[in-house]
């Protein structure tokens, strides 16, 4: 209930502050999926939650949950805390449970904001592991620019893909390639 309440009252003010257009909505599957996206700003998760109208469960670094007020907000918005140094079994179970219940799990596979000039940082394999174990499609999303106040942005949803058990060893590389392919199509459509 909190999730939808916040989403509805925040949609227009947030869109005014961070205007964006969502492209290729048809690529988002109706059932479960793992969304992966590039990550350049703390605003990225809020941008995806605001622009995609289905309920999402976002993985967030556990450090964000230290402040009690922020923790209440994050829990209400279905954020799942993760220790980036040592992932706990309870976190894995929670993420797999989200997918088992036909929901959307959103992960920024770089694990942190990319502050380099490279389009993507190193990709962690967590998203591919969750997708493979739950037989869920992975949906790449490219946020064209670092979100800035009152600056228009474009969010492009790529075509879903699966990573087989045989491919899972190279899951991080496959995800990186899919995100970079999507970025290339976004850049070439200028």
Protein backbone atom coordinates (compact mmCIF):
# COMPACT_ATOMS: atom_id res chain seq x y z
CA UNK A 1 0.00 0.00 0.00
CA UNK A 2 2.82 2.42 0.94
CA UNK A 3 4.54 1.67 -2.38
CA UNK A 4 1.55 2.71 -4.51
CA UNK A 5 0.71 5.67 -2.27
CA UNK A 6 4.22 7.11 -2.65
CA UNK A 7 4.36 6.25 -6.35
CA UNK A 8 1.09 8.01 -7.11
CA UNK A 9 1.72 11.18 -5.11
CA UNK A 10 5.37 11.45 -6.21
CA UNK A 11 4.92 10.68 -9.92
CA UNK A 12 4.19 14.19 -11.24
CA UNK A 13 6.54 16.14 -8.92
CA UNK A 14 9.36 13.67 -9.61
CA UNK A 15 8.71 13.81 -13.37
CA UNK A 16 8.86 17.62 -13.24
CA UNK A 17 12.20 17.45 -11.42
CA UNK A 18 13.62 14.63 -13.57
CA UNK A 19 11.65 14.57 -16.83
CA UNK A 20 12.12 11.39 -18.85
CA UNK A 21 10.59 9.33 -21.59
CA UNK A 22 10.35 5.55 -21.45
CA UNK A 23 10.96 3.84 -24.80
CA UNK A 24 10.10 0.27 -25.88
CA UNK A 25 7.66 -0.47 -23.03
CA UNK A 26 6.52 -3.51 -25.03
CA UNK A 27 9.87 -5.18 -24.25
CA UNK A 28 8.98 -5.49 -20.55
CA UNK A 29 7.52 -9.00 -20.00
CA UNK A 30 4.16 -9.31 -18.26
CA UNK A 31 5.43 -11.73 -15.61
CA UNK A 32 8.65 -12.08 -13.67
CA UNK A 33 11.91 -10.62 -14.88
CA UNK A 34 15.25 -9.27 -13.71
CA UNK A 35 15.83 -5.69 -14.80
CA UNK A 36 19.46 -4.67 -15.19
CA UNK A 37 20.47 -1.07 -15.86
CA UNK A 38 23.50 1.18 -16.03
CA UNK A 39 24.08 3.18 -12.87
CA UNK A 40 25.49 6.72 -12.78
CA UNK A 41 23.40 8.42 -10.10
CA UNK A 42 21.58 7.84 -6.80
CA UNK A 43 18.47 8.94 -8.69
CA UNK A 44 18.58 5.95 -11.10
CA UNK A 45 16.47 3.57 -8.95
CA UNK A 46 13.88 6.29 -8.30
CA UNK A 47 13.78 7.08 -12.00
CA UNK A 48 13.03 3.45 -12.89
CA UNK A 49 10.42 3.09 -10.15
CA UNK A 50 8.76 6.32 -11.31
CA UNK A 51 8.73 5.48 -15.02
CA UNK A 52 7.82 1.76 -14.90
CA UNK A 53 4.32 1.31 -13.53
CA UNK A 54 4.70 -2.27 -12.34
CA UNK A 55 5.84 -2.87 -8.78
CA UNK A 56 9.58 -3.43 -8.56
CA UNK A 57 11.82 -4.84 -5.86
CA UNK A 58 15.16 -3.03 -6.07
CA UNK A 59 18.36 -4.35 -4.59
CA UNK A 60 20.09 -1.61 -2.55
CA UNK A 61 23.35 -1.48 -0.65
CA UNK A 62 22.84 -2.22 3.05
CA UNK A 63 24.57 1.01 4.08
CA UNK A 64 21.48 2.93 2.95
CA UNK A 65 19.43 1.19 5.64
CA UNK A 66 21.45 2.63 8.56
CA UNK A 67 19.36 5.82 8.79
CA UNK A 68 16.01 4.89 10.40
CA UNK A 69 13.92 7.28 8.30
CA UNK A 70 15.52 6.19 5.04
CA UNK A 71 15.19 2.55 6.11
CA UNK A 72 11.41 2.97 6.61
CA UNK A 73 11.12 4.57 3.16
CA UNK A 74 13.26 1.91 1.45
CA UNK A 75 11.40 -0.98 3.10
CA UNK A 76 8.10 0.62 2.06
CA UNK A 77 9.40 0.85 -1.49
CA UNK A 78 10.35 -2.87 -1.49
CA UNK A 79 14.11 -2.32 -1.44
CA UNK A 80 16.13 -5.40 -0.57
CA UNK A 81 19.32 -4.69 1.41
CA UNK A 82 22.46 -6.37 0.13
CA UNK A 83 25.94 -6.59 1.59
CA UNK A 84 28.12 -6.02 -1.46
CA UNK A 85 31.14 -7.62 0.23
CA UNK A 86 29.45 -10.82 1.39
CA UNK A 87 25.96 -11.62 0.11
CA UNK A 88 23.84 -13.28 2.79
CA UNK A 89 21.65 -16.34 2.18
CA UNK A 90 18.58 -14.39 3.36
CA UNK A 91 19.16 -11.82 0.59
CA UNK A 92 19.45 -14.56 -2.04
CA UNK A 93 16.24 -16.20 -0.77
CA UNK A 94 14.39 -12.87 -0.80
CA UNK A 95 15.47 -12.12 -4.39
CA UNK A 96 14.51 -15.60 -5.59
CA UNK A 97 11.18 -15.31 -3.74
CA UNK A 98 10.40 -12.09 -5.63
CA UNK A 99 10.92 -13.88 -8.93
CA UNK A 100 9.07 -17.01 -7.79
CA UNK A 101 6.08 -14.76 -7.08
CA UNK A 102 6.13 -13.43 -10.65
CA UNK A 103 7.45 -9.97 -9.73
CA UNK A 104 10.17 -7.65 -11.05
CA UNK A 105 13.62 -7.66 -9.45
CA UNK A 106 15.68 -4.57 -10.35
CA UNK A 107 19.46 -4.74 -10.03
CA UNK A 108 22.21 -2.36 -11.03
CA UNK A 109 24.83 -5.02 -11.83
CA UNK A 110 27.80 -2.66 -11.60
CA UNK A 111 27.21 -2.82 -7.85
CA UNK A 112 27.85 0.89 -7.42
CA UNK A 113 27.57 4.10 -9.37
CA UNK A 114 29.87 4.32 -12.36
CA UNK A 115 31.98 7.46 -11.91
CA UNK A 116 34.39 6.71 -14.75
CA UNK A 117 34.35 7.86 -18.36
CA UNK A 118 33.65 4.27 -19.45
CA UNK A 119 30.00 3.54 -20.32
CA UNK A 120 29.91 0.61 -17.85
CA UNK A 121 32.00 -0.53 -14.93
CA UNK A 122 32.67 -4.14 -13.99
CA UNK A 123 29.52 -6.23 -13.91
CA UNK A 124 28.74 -8.50 -10.96
CA UNK A 125 27.12 -11.86 -11.68
CA UNK A 126 24.28 -11.70 -9.09
CA UNK A 127 21.55 -10.76 -11.58
CA UNK A 128 22.46 -13.62 -13.92
CA UNK A 129 22.51 -16.09 -11.02
CA UNK A 130 19.02 -15.03 -9.85
CA UNK A 131 17.69 -15.12 -13.42
CA UNK A 132 19.19 -18.55 -14.17
CA UNK A 133 18.03 -20.13 -10.89
CA UNK A 134 14.47 -18.82 -11.37
CA UNK A 135 14.33 -19.25 -15.16
CA UNK A 136 13.55 -15.54 -15.51
CA UNK A 137 14.25 -13.29 -18.48
CA UNK A 138 16.74 -10.49 -18.02
CA UNK A 139 15.65 -7.09 -19.33
CA UNK A 140 18.43 -4.59 -20.07
CA UNK A 141 17.62 -0.91 -19.58
CA UNK A 142 19.80 2.01 -20.61
CA UNK A 143 19.47 5.38 -18.91
CA UNK A 144 20.83 7.72 -21.58
CA UNK A 145 22.32 10.41 -19.35
CA UNK A 146 23.12 10.92 -15.71
CA UNK A 147 19.84 12.30 -14.28
CA UNK A 148 19.98 16.02 -13.54
CA UNK A 149 17.32 18.39 -12.27
CA UNK A 150 15.02 19.68 -15.03
CA UNK A 151 17.06 17.96 -17.77
CA UNK A 152 15.14 15.64 -20.07
CA UNK A 153 16.34 12.03 -20.19
CA UNK A 154 15.49 8.87 -22.11
CA UNK A 155 15.16 5.40 -20.63
CA UNK A 156 15.25 2.61 -23.19
CA UNK A 157 14.07 -0.92 -22.47
CA UNK A 158 15.93 -3.57 -24.45
CA UNK A 159 14.71 -6.97 -25.55
CA UNK A 160 14.55 -9.62 -22.82
CA UNK A 161 17.05 -12.47 -22.95
CA UNK A 162 17.79 -15.63 -20.97
CA UNK A 163 21.06 -16.97 -19.65
CA UNK A 164 21.17 -20.76 -19.67
CA UNK A 165 22.85 -22.83 -16.97
CA UNK A 166 25.62 -23.60 -19.45
CA UNK A 167 26.17 -19.87 -20.05
CA UNK A 168 25.90 -18.87 -16.38
CA UNK A 169 29.66 -18.98 -15.86
CA UNK A 170 29.90 -16.07 -18.31
CA UNK A 171 26.73 -14.33 -17.09
CA UNK A 172 28.48 -11.08 -16.19
CA UNK A 173 30.05 -10.83 -19.64
CA UNK A 174 26.75 -11.63 -21.39
CA UNK A 175 24.92 -8.96 -19.39
CA UNK A 176 27.62 -6.38 -20.09
CA UNK A 177 27.46 -7.11 -23.82
CA UNK A 178 23.65 -6.82 -23.86
CA UNK A 179 23.78 -3.48 -22.02
CA UNK A 180 26.48 -2.15 -24.36
CA UNK A 181 24.51 -3.34 -27.42
CA UNK A 182 21.46 -1.47 -26.10
CA UNK A 183 23.59 1.63 -25.47
CA UNK A 184 24.84 1.45 -29.07
CA UNK A 185 21.28 1.43 -30.42
CA UNK A 186 20.36 4.38 -28.17
CA UNK A 187 23.37 6.41 -29.32
CA UNK A 188 22.83 5.55 -33.00
CA UNK A 189 19.20 6.78 -32.86
CA UNK A 190 20.20 10.41 -32.26
